[in-house]
Amino acid sequence: MGEREAFAASFRELHPKFSRMYAQMLTRVDLTLPQYTLLYQLMLLGTVSMTEISGRLEITKPAVTNLVDRLEEKKFLKRIPHTKDRRVILLEILPRGEKIITEIQGRSLDLLLKAYDQFNGKEHQVIRCFYATVSKVMDDFLLRSKNED
């Protein structure tokens, strides 16, 4: 098996493990992946409109409403009426939602850092370069696929 094939095999093995890890963490806090993603976006962006979240998550406005209803019931976020346009509803993450997102991110990052710490300084440079490149390639893909729609 060549290097490229070995890398692909490792990725195929790792991908479902990440999925299971997130599924376990989200189940423990009674969140779905779409709910987590919405809360994560609010942590990154701050207060935003439901329309903006709909666009960022690439889901319909009724789907956002459904997610927001459930997250609001759990006291993870709140709706805020826009001060100038009563048709616009803003979303703001609450401290409880921030805490959950921070905990989940912390646990997953701890696992990655545990693996990262097993490498030396030169290897750390390669790993950081790899992740930066993967991030750029993903950004390019997402931009192209969005423009094709």
N, C-alpha and C. Protein backbone atom coordinates (compact mmCIF):
# COMPACT_ATOMS: atom_id res chain seq x y z
N MET A 1 0.86 -1.18 0.00
CA MET A 1 0.00 0.00 0.00
C MET A 1 0.90 1.24 0.00
N GLY A 2 0.61 2.16 -0.90
CA GLY A 2 1.39 3.39 -0.99
C GLY A 2 1.04 4.37 0.12
N GLU A 3 1.84 5.43 0.22
CA GLU A 3 1.63 6.45 1.26
C GLU A 3 0.25 7.09 1.16
N ARG A 4 -0.14 7.42 -0.06
CA ARG A 4 -1.44 8.08 -0.26
C ARG A 4 -2.59 7.17 0.14
N GLU A 5 -2.50 5.90 -0.23
CA GLU A 5 -3.54 4.93 0.12
C GLU A 5 -3.58 4.69 1.63
N ALA A 6 -2.39 4.65 2.27
CA ALA A 6 -2.33 4.46 3.71
C ALA A 6 -2.96 5.65 4.44
N PHE A 7 -2.71 6.85 3.93
CA PHE A 7 -3.32 8.05 4.51
C PHE A 7 -4.84 7.99 4.37
N ALA A 8 -5.30 7.62 3.19
CA ALA A 8 -6.75 7.53 2.95
C ALA A 8 -7.38 6.50 3.89
N ALA A 9 -6.70 5.38 4.08
CA ALA A 9 -7.22 4.34 4.99
C ALA A 9 -7.28 4.87 6.42
N SER A 10 -6.28 5.60 6.83
CA SER A 10 -6.28 6.17 8.18
C SER A 10 -7.44 7.15 8.35
N PHE A 11 -7.67 7.97 7.33
CA PHE A 11 -8.78 8.92 7.39
C PHE A 11 -10.11 8.18 7.49
N ARG A 12 -10.26 7.14 6.66
CA ARG A 12 -11.52 6.37 6.70
C ARG A 12 -11.75 5.75 8.07
N GLU A 13 -10.69 5.39 8.76
CA GLU A 13 -10.81 4.81 10.09
C GLU A 13 -11.11 5.89 11.13
N LEU A 14 -10.51 7.06 10.98
CA LEU A 14 -10.64 8.13 11.95
C LEU A 14 -11.99 8.85 11.87
N HIS A 15 -12.49 9.06 10.67
CA HIS A 15 -13.71 9.83 10.47
C HIS A 15 -14.89 9.30 11.30
N PRO A 16 -15.21 8.00 11.25
CA PRO A 16 -16.34 7.53 12.06
C PRO A 16 -16.07 7.62 13.57
N LYS A 17 -14.81 7.58 13.97
CA LYS A 17 -14.50 7.73 15.39
C LYS A 17 -14.83 9.13 15.86
N PHE A 18 -14.50 10.14 15.05
CA PHE A 18 -14.88 11.51 15.39
C PHE A 18 -16.39 11.64 15.45
N SER A 19 -17.08 11.04 14.50
CA SER A 19 -18.55 11.10 14.50
C SER A 19 -19.12 10.49 15.77
N ARG A 20 -18.60 9.32 16.16
CA ARG A 20 -19.08 8.68 17.39
C ARG A 20 -18.76 9.51 18.62
N MET A 21 -17.56 10.11 18.64
CA MET A 21 -17.17 10.93 19.77
C MET A 21 -18.14 12.11 19.94
N TYR A 22 -18.41 12.82 18.83
CA TYR A 22 -19.35 13.94 18.91
C TYR A 22 -20.76 13.46 19.26
N ALA A 23 -21.17 12.35 18.70
CA ALA A 23 -22.50 11.81 19.01
C ALA A 23 -22.62 11.52 20.50
N GLN A 24 -21.60 10.92 21.09
CA GLN A 24 -21.62 10.64 22.53
C GLN A 24 -21.68 11.92 23.36
N MET A 25 -20.83 12.89 23.00
CA MET A 25 -20.80 14.14 23.76
C MET A 25 -22.13 14.88 23.65
N LEU A 26 -22.71 14.91 22.45
CA LEU A 26 -23.96 15.63 22.26
C LEU A 26 -25.13 14.93 22.94
N THR A 27 -25.11 13.61 22.93
CA THR A 27 -26.17 12.85 23.61
C THR A 27 -26.17 13.16 25.10
N ARG A 28 -24.97 13.25 25.68
CA ARG A 28 -24.86 13.53 27.12
C ARG A 28 -25.48 14.87 27.51
N VAL A 29 -25.47 15.83 26.59
CA VAL A 29 -26.02 17.16 26.90
C VAL A 29 -27.35 17.40 26.19
N ASP A 30 -27.92 16.35 25.63
CA ASP A 30 -29.23 16.39 24.98
C ASP A 30 -29.28 17.41 23.84
N LEU A 31 -28.28 17.35 22.97
CA LEU A 31 -28.24 18.20 21.78
C LEU A 31 -28.10 17.35 20.53
N THR A 32 -28.68 17.83 19.44
CA THR A 32 -28.46 17.21 18.14
C THR A 32 -27.29 17.93 17.47
N LEU A 33 -26.75 17.34 16.42
CA LEU A 33 -25.66 17.99 15.70
C LEU A 33 -26.11 19.33 15.10
N PRO A 34 -27.29 19.42 14.48
CA PRO A 34 -27.72 20.74 13.98
C PRO A 34 -27.87 21.79 15.09
N GLN A 35 -28.36 21.38 16.27
CA GLN A 35 -28.47 22.32 17.38
C GLN A 35 -27.09 22.79 17.83
N TYR A 36 -26.16 21.86 17.93
CA TYR A 36 -24.78 22.20 18.29
C TYR A 36 -24.18 23.17 17.28
N THR A 37 -24.40 22.89 16.02
CA THR A 37 -23.84 23.73 14.96
C THR A 37 -24.40 25.15 15.04
N LEU A 38 -25.69 25.26 15.29
CA LEU A 38 -26.30 26.59 15.42
C LEU A 38 -25.70 27.33 16.61
N LEU A 39 -25.60 26.66 17.75
CA LEU A 39 -25.01 27.31 18.93
C LEU A 39 -23.55 27.70 18.68
N TYR A 40 -22.82 26.84 18.01
CA TYR A 40 -21.42 27.13 17.70
C TYR A 40 -21.31 28.38 16.83
N GLN A 41 -22.19 28.51 15.85
CA GLN A 41 -22.20 29.70 15.00
C GLN A 41 -22.48 30.96 15.83
N LEU A 42 -23.40 30.88 16.78
CA LEU A 42 -23.69 32.02 17.64
C LEU A 42 -22.48 32.38 18.51
N MET A 43 -21.74 31.38 18.95
CA MET A 43 -20.52 31.66 19.73
C MET A 43 -19.52 32.41 18.86
N LEU A 44 -19.40 32.01 17.61
CA LEU A 44 -18.43 32.65 16.71
C LEU A 44 -18.86 34.05 16.30
N LEU A 45 -20.14 34.20 15.97
CA LEU A 45 -20.63 35.42 15.34
C LEU A 45 -21.22 36.43 16.30
N GLY A 46 -21.64 35.99 17.46
CA GLY A 46 -22.38 36.87 18.36
C GLY A 46 -23.85 36.89 17.96
N THR A 47 -24.54 37.96 18.26
CA THR A 47 -25.96 38.08 17.97
C THR A 47 -26.18 38.25 16.47
N VAL A 48 -27.00 37.37 15.89
CA VAL A 48 -27.29 37.42 14.46
C VAL A 48 -28.77 37.13 14.23
N SER A 49 -29.23 37.47 13.04
CA SER A 49 -30.63 37.24 12.70
C SER A 49 -30.86 35.77 12.35
N MET A 50 -32.11 35.37 12.47
CA MET A 50 -32.47 34.00 12.08
C MET A 50 -32.21 33.78 10.60
N THR A 51 -32.42 34.82 9.79
CA THR A 51 -32.16 34.72 8.35
C THR A 51 -30.68 34.47 8.08
N GLU A 52 -29.81 35.16 8.81
CA GLU A 52 -28.37 34.95 8.61
C GLU A 52 -27.96 33.54 9.01
N ILE A 53 -28.49 33.05 10.12
CA ILE A 53 -28.18 31.68 10.55
C ILE A 53 -28.67 30.69 9.50
N SER A 54 -29.85 30.93 8.97
CA SER A 54 -30.38 30.06 7.92
C SER A 54 -29.41 29.98 6.74
N GLY A 55 -28.88 31.11 6.32
CA GLY A 55 -27.93 31.13 5.22
C GLY A 55 -26.62 30.46 5.57
N ARG A 56 -26.11 30.72 6.76
CA ARG A 56 -24.82 30.14 7.16
C ARG A 56 -24.91 28.63 7.31
N LEU A 57 -26.03 28.14 7.83
CA LEU A 57 -26.18 26.70 8.01
C LEU A 57 -26.73 26.01 6.76
N GLU A 58 -27.14 26.84 5.81
CA GLU A 58 -27.72 26.34 4.56
C GLU A 58 -28.92 25.43 4.82
N ILE A 59 -29.81 25.93 5.69
CA ILE A 59 -31.07 25.25 5.97
C ILE A 59 -32.20 26.27 5.86
N THR A 60 -33.40 25.76 5.74
CA THR A 60 -34.56 26.65 5.55
C THR A 60 -34.86 27.43 6.83
N LYS A 61 -35.58 28.53 6.67
CA LYS A 61 -35.98 29.32 7.83
C LYS A 61 -36.90 28.52 8.76
N PRO A 62 -37.84 27.72 8.24
CA PRO A 62 -38.64 26.89 9.16
C PRO A 62 -37.78 25.89 9.95
N ALA A 63 -36.73 25.36 9.33
CA ALA A 63 -35.84 24.45 10.05
C ALA A 63 -35.10 25.19 11.16
N VAL A 64 -34.69 26.43 10.90
CA VAL A 64 -34.04 27.24 11.93
C VAL A 64 -35.02 27.50 13.07
N THR A 65 -36.25 27.83 12.72
CA THR A 65 -37.26 28.07 13.75
C THR A 65 -37.42 26.86 14.65
N ASN A 66 -37.46 25.67 14.06
CA ASN A 66 -37.59 24.43 14.82
C ASN A 66 -36.39 24.26 15.77
N LEU A 67 -35.19 24.48 15.27
CA LEU A 67 -33.99 24.36 16.10
C LEU A 67 -34.02 25.39 17.24
N VAL A 68 -34.36 26.61 16.90
CA VAL A 68 -34.37 27.69 17.89
C VAL A 68 -35.41 27.41 18.96
N ASP A 69 -36.59 26.92 18.57
CA ASP A 69 -37.62 26.58 19.56
C ASP A 69 -37.07 25.63 20.62
N ARG A 70 -36.40 24.59 20.15
CA ARG A 70 -35.88 23.57 21.08
C ARG A 70 -34.74 24.13 21.95
N LEU A 71 -33.86 24.92 21.33
CA LEU A 71 -32.74 25.49 22.09
C LEU A 71 -33.20 26.55 23.08
N GLU A 72 -34.25 27.26 22.72
CA GLU A 72 -34.80 28.27 23.62
C GLU A 72 -35.46 27.58 24.83
N GLU A 73 -36.15 26.47 24.59
CA GLU A 73 -36.76 25.71 25.68
C GLU A 73 -35.71 25.24 26.68
N LYS A 74 -34.53 24.88 26.17
CA LYS A 74 -33.44 24.39 27.03
C LYS A 74 -32.61 25.51 27.63
N LYS A 75 -33.00 26.76 27.33
CA LYS A 75 -32.31 27.95 27.86
C LYS A 75 -30.87 28.05 27.37
N PHE A 76 -30.63 27.63 26.10
CA PHE A 76 -29.30 27.75 25.49
C PHE A 76 -29.16 29.04 24.68
N LEU A 77 -30.28 29.59 24.25
CA LEU A 77 -30.27 30.84 23.49
C LEU A 77 -31.57 31.57 23.73
N LYS A 78 -31.62 32.82 23.25
CA LYS A 78 -32.87 33.56 23.33
C LYS A 78 -33.07 34.35 22.04
N ARG A 79 -34.34 34.59 21.76
CA ARG A 79 -34.74 35.44 20.64
C ARG A 79 -34.81 36.88 21.15
N ILE A 80 -34.38 37.79 20.29
CA ILE A 80 -34.44 39.22 20.63
C ILE A 80 -35.08 39.94 19.46
N PRO A 81 -36.12 40.73 19.71
CA PRO A 81 -36.70 41.50 18.60
C PRO A 81 -35.72 42.58 18.14
N HIS A 82 -35.66 42.80 16.85
CA HIS A 82 -34.81 43.85 16.29
C HIS A 82 -35.38 45.20 16.71
N THR A 83 -34.51 46.12 17.04
CA THR A 83 -34.98 47.43 17.54
C THR A 83 -35.62 48.28 16.46
N LYS A 84 -35.23 48.08 15.19
CA LYS A 84 -35.75 48.94 14.12
C LYS A 84 -36.67 48.23 13.14
N ASP A 85 -36.60 46.92 13.08
CA ASP A 85 -37.42 46.18 12.11
C ASP A 85 -38.08 45.01 12.84
N ARG A 86 -39.35 45.16 13.14
CA ARG A 86 -40.04 44.14 13.95
C ARG A 86 -40.19 42.80 13.24
N ARG A 87 -39.91 42.75 11.94
CA ARG A 87 -39.97 41.48 11.21
C ARG A 87 -38.72 40.63 11.46
N VAL A 88 -37.65 41.26 11.92
CA VAL A 88 -36.37 40.59 12.12
C VAL A 88 -36.26 40.11 13.56
N ILE A 89 -35.90 38.83 13.71
CA ILE A 89 -35.66 38.24 15.02
C ILE A 89 -34.17 37.92 15.11
N LEU A 90 -33.56 38.41 16.18
CA LEU A 90 -32.15 38.15 16.42
C LEU A 90 -31.99 37.00 17.40
N LEU A 91 -30.88 36.30 17.30
CA LEU A 91 -30.58 35.18 18.19
C LEU A 91 -29.33 35.51 18.99
N GLU A 92 -29.38 35.18 20.27
CA GLU A 92 -28.23 35.42 21.14
C GLU A 92 -28.01 34.18 22.01
N ILE A 93 -26.78 33.69 22.03
CA ILE A 93 -26.47 32.53 22.86
C ILE A 93 -26.46 32.97 24.32
N LEU A 94 -26.98 32.11 25.19
CA LEU A 94 -27.01 32.38 26.62
C LEU A 94 -25.81 31.70 27.30
N PRO A 95 -25.47 32.11 28.51
CA PRO A 95 -24.31 31.51 29.20
C PRO A 95 -24.35 29.98 29.25
N ARG A 96 -25.53 29.41 29.43
CA ARG A 96 -25.65 27.95 29.47
C ARG A 96 -25.24 27.33 28.13
N GLY A 97 -25.64 27.96 27.03
CA GLY A 97 -25.25 27.48 25.70
C GLY A 97 -23.76 27.63 25.47
N GLU A 98 -23.20 28.77 25.89
CA GLU A 98 -21.75 28.98 25.76
C GLU A 98 -20.97 27.93 26.53
N LYS A 99 -21.46 27.61 27.72
CA LYS A 99 -20.77 26.62 28.57
C LYS A 99 -20.73 25.26 27.88
N ILE A 100 -21.84 24.85 27.32
CA ILE A 100 -21.91 23.54 26.65
C ILE A 100 -20.95 23.51 25.46
N ILE A 101 -20.97 24.55 24.63
CA ILE A 101 -20.11 24.59 23.45
C ILE A 101 -18.65 24.57 23.88
N THR A 102 -18.31 25.36 24.88
CA THR A 102 -16.93 25.41 25.36
C THR A 102 -16.47 24.05 25.89
N GLU A 103 -17.34 23.36 26.61
CA GLU A 103 -16.99 22.04 27.15
C GLU A 103 -16.76 21.03 26.03
N ILE A 104 -17.65 21.01 25.05
CA ILE A 104 -17.52 20.05 23.95
C ILE A 104 -16.25 20.34 23.14
N GLN A 105 -16.02 21.60 22.84
CA GLN A 105 -14.81 21.96 22.10
C GLN A 105 -13.57 21.60 22.91
N GLY A 106 -13.61 21.85 24.20
CA GLY A 106 -12.47 21.55 25.06
C GLY A 106 -12.14 20.07 25.08
N ARG A 107 -13.17 19.23 25.19
CA ARG A 107 -12.93 17.78 25.22
C ARG A 107 -12.34 17.29 23.90
N SER A 108 -12.89 17.75 22.79
CA SER A 108 -12.37 17.29 21.50
C SER A 108 -10.96 17.83 21.26
N LEU A 109 -10.70 19.06 21.65
CA LEU A 109 -9.36 19.62 21.50
C LEU A 109 -8.35 18.89 22.39
N ASP A 110 -8.76 18.54 23.61
CA ASP A 110 -7.87 17.79 24.49
C ASP A 110 -7.41 16.48 23.85
N LEU A 111 -8.32 15.80 23.16
CA LEU A 111 -7.95 14.56 22.49
C LEU A 111 -6.95 14.80 21.37
N LEU A 112 -7.20 15.84 20.58
CA LEU A 112 -6.26 16.17 19.49
C LEU A 112 -4.90 16.57 20.05
N LEU A 113 -4.89 17.36 21.11
CA LEU A 113 -3.62 17.78 21.69
C LEU A 113 -2.86 16.61 22.32
N LYS A 114 -3.58 15.66 22.83
CA LYS A 114 -2.93 14.46 23.38
C LYS A 114 -2.15 13.74 22.28
N ALA A 115 -2.73 13.65 21.10
CA ALA A 115 -2.02 13.04 19.97
C ALA A 115 -0.90 13.95 19.48
N TYR A 116 -1.18 15.25 19.37
CA TYR A 116 -0.20 16.23 18.89
C TYR A 116 1.06 16.22 19.76
N ASP A 117 0.87 16.11 21.07
CA ASP A 117 2.00 16.13 22.01
C ASP A 117 2.92 14.93 21.87
N GLN A 118 2.51 13.92 21.13
CA GLN A 118 3.36 12.75 20.94
C GLN A 118 4.37 12.95 19.81
N PHE A 119 4.33 14.11 19.16
CA PHE A 119 5.24 14.42 18.06
C PHE A 119 6.26 15.45 18.52
N ASN A 120 7.37 15.56 17.75
CA ASN A 120 8.41 16.54 18.09
C ASN A 120 8.13 17.88 17.40
N GLY A 121 8.99 18.86 17.66
CA GLY A 121 8.78 20.21 17.14
C GLY A 121 8.71 20.30 15.63
N LYS A 122 9.58 19.59 14.94
CA LYS A 122 9.57 19.61 13.48
C LYS A 122 8.28 19.00 12.94
N GLU A 123 7.85 17.93 13.57
CA GLU A 123 6.60 17.29 13.16
C GLU A 123 5.41 18.20 13.45
N HIS A 124 5.49 18.97 14.55
CA HIS A 124 4.42 19.93 14.87
C HIS A 124 4.25 20.93 13.73
N GLN A 125 5.35 21.40 13.17
CA GLN A 125 5.28 22.34 12.05
C GLN A 125 4.54 21.72 10.87
N VAL A 126 4.85 20.48 10.56
CA VAL A 126 4.20 19.79 9.44
C VAL A 126 2.71 19.62 9.72
N ILE A 127 2.38 19.25 10.94
CA ILE A 127 0.97 19.06 11.31
C ILE A 127 0.20 20.37 11.19
N ARG A 128 0.78 21.46 11.70
CA ARG A 128 0.11 22.77 11.61
C ARG A 128 -0.06 23.19 10.16
N CYS A 129 0.95 22.95 9.36
CA CYS A 129 0.88 23.27 7.93
C CYS A 129 -0.21 22.44 7.25
N PHE A 130 -0.27 21.16 7.59
CA PHE A 130 -1.29 20.28 7.02
C PHE A 130 -2.69 20.79 7.35
N TYR A 131 -2.94 21.10 8.62
CA TYR A 131 -4.27 21.57 9.01
C TYR A 131 -4.62 22.90 8.35
N ALA A 132 -3.65 23.80 8.23
CA ALA A 132 -3.90 25.07 7.55
C ALA A 132 -4.25 24.83 6.08
N THR A 133 -3.57 23.89 5.46
CA THR A 133 -3.84 23.58 4.05
C THR A 133 -5.21 22.93 3.90
N VAL A 134 -5.54 22.00 4.78
CA VAL A 134 -6.86 21.36 4.74
C VAL A 134 -7.95 22.42 4.90
N SER A 135 -7.75 23.35 5.82
CA SER A 135 -8.74 24.41 6.04
C SER A 135 -8.93 25.25 4.78
N LYS A 136 -7.84 25.61 4.13
CA LYS A 136 -7.93 26.41 2.91
C LYS A 136 -8.62 25.64 1.79
N VAL A 137 -8.27 24.37 1.61
CA VAL A 137 -8.90 23.55 0.57
C VAL A 137 -10.39 23.42 0.84
N MET A 138 -10.77 23.25 2.10
CA MET A 138 -12.20 23.17 2.45
C MET A 138 -12.91 24.48 2.17
N ASP A 139 -12.28 25.61 2.55
CA ASP A 139 -12.88 26.92 2.26
C ASP A 139 -13.12 27.09 0.76
N ASP A 140 -12.12 26.73 -0.03
CA ASP A 140 -12.25 26.84 -1.49
C ASP A 140 -13.38 25.96 -2.01
N PHE A 141 -13.47 24.73 -1.51
CA PHE A 141 -14.53 23.81 -1.93
C PHE A 141 -15.90 24.38 -1.57
N LEU A 142 -16.04 24.85 -0.33
CA LEU A 142 -17.34 25.37 0.12
C LEU A 142 -17.74 26.59 -0.68
N LEU A 143 -16.79 27.45 -1.00
CA LEU A 143 -17.09 28.63 -1.80
C LEU A 143 -17.52 28.23 -3.21
N ARG A 144 -16.79 27.29 -3.83
CA ARG A 144 -17.15 26.84 -5.17
C ARG A 144 -18.51 26.16 -5.18
N SER A 145 -18.76 25.29 -4.21
CA SER A 145 -20.03 24.56 -4.20
C SER A 145 -21.19 25.50 -3.93
N LYS A 146 -20.97 26.54 -3.12
CA LYS A 146 -22.03 27.52 -2.86
C LYS A 146 -22.34 28.31 -4.14
N ASN A 147 -21.30 28.65 -4.90
CA ASN A 147 -21.49 29.41 -6.13
C ASN A 147 -22.14 28.57 -7.24
N GLU A 148 -22.04 27.24 -7.13
CA GLU A 148 -22.66 26.36 -8.13
C GLU A 148 -24.17 26.25 -7.91
N ASP A 149 -24.62 26.56 -6.70
CA ASP A 149 -26.07 26.44 -6.39
C ASP A 149 -26.90 27.46 -7.09
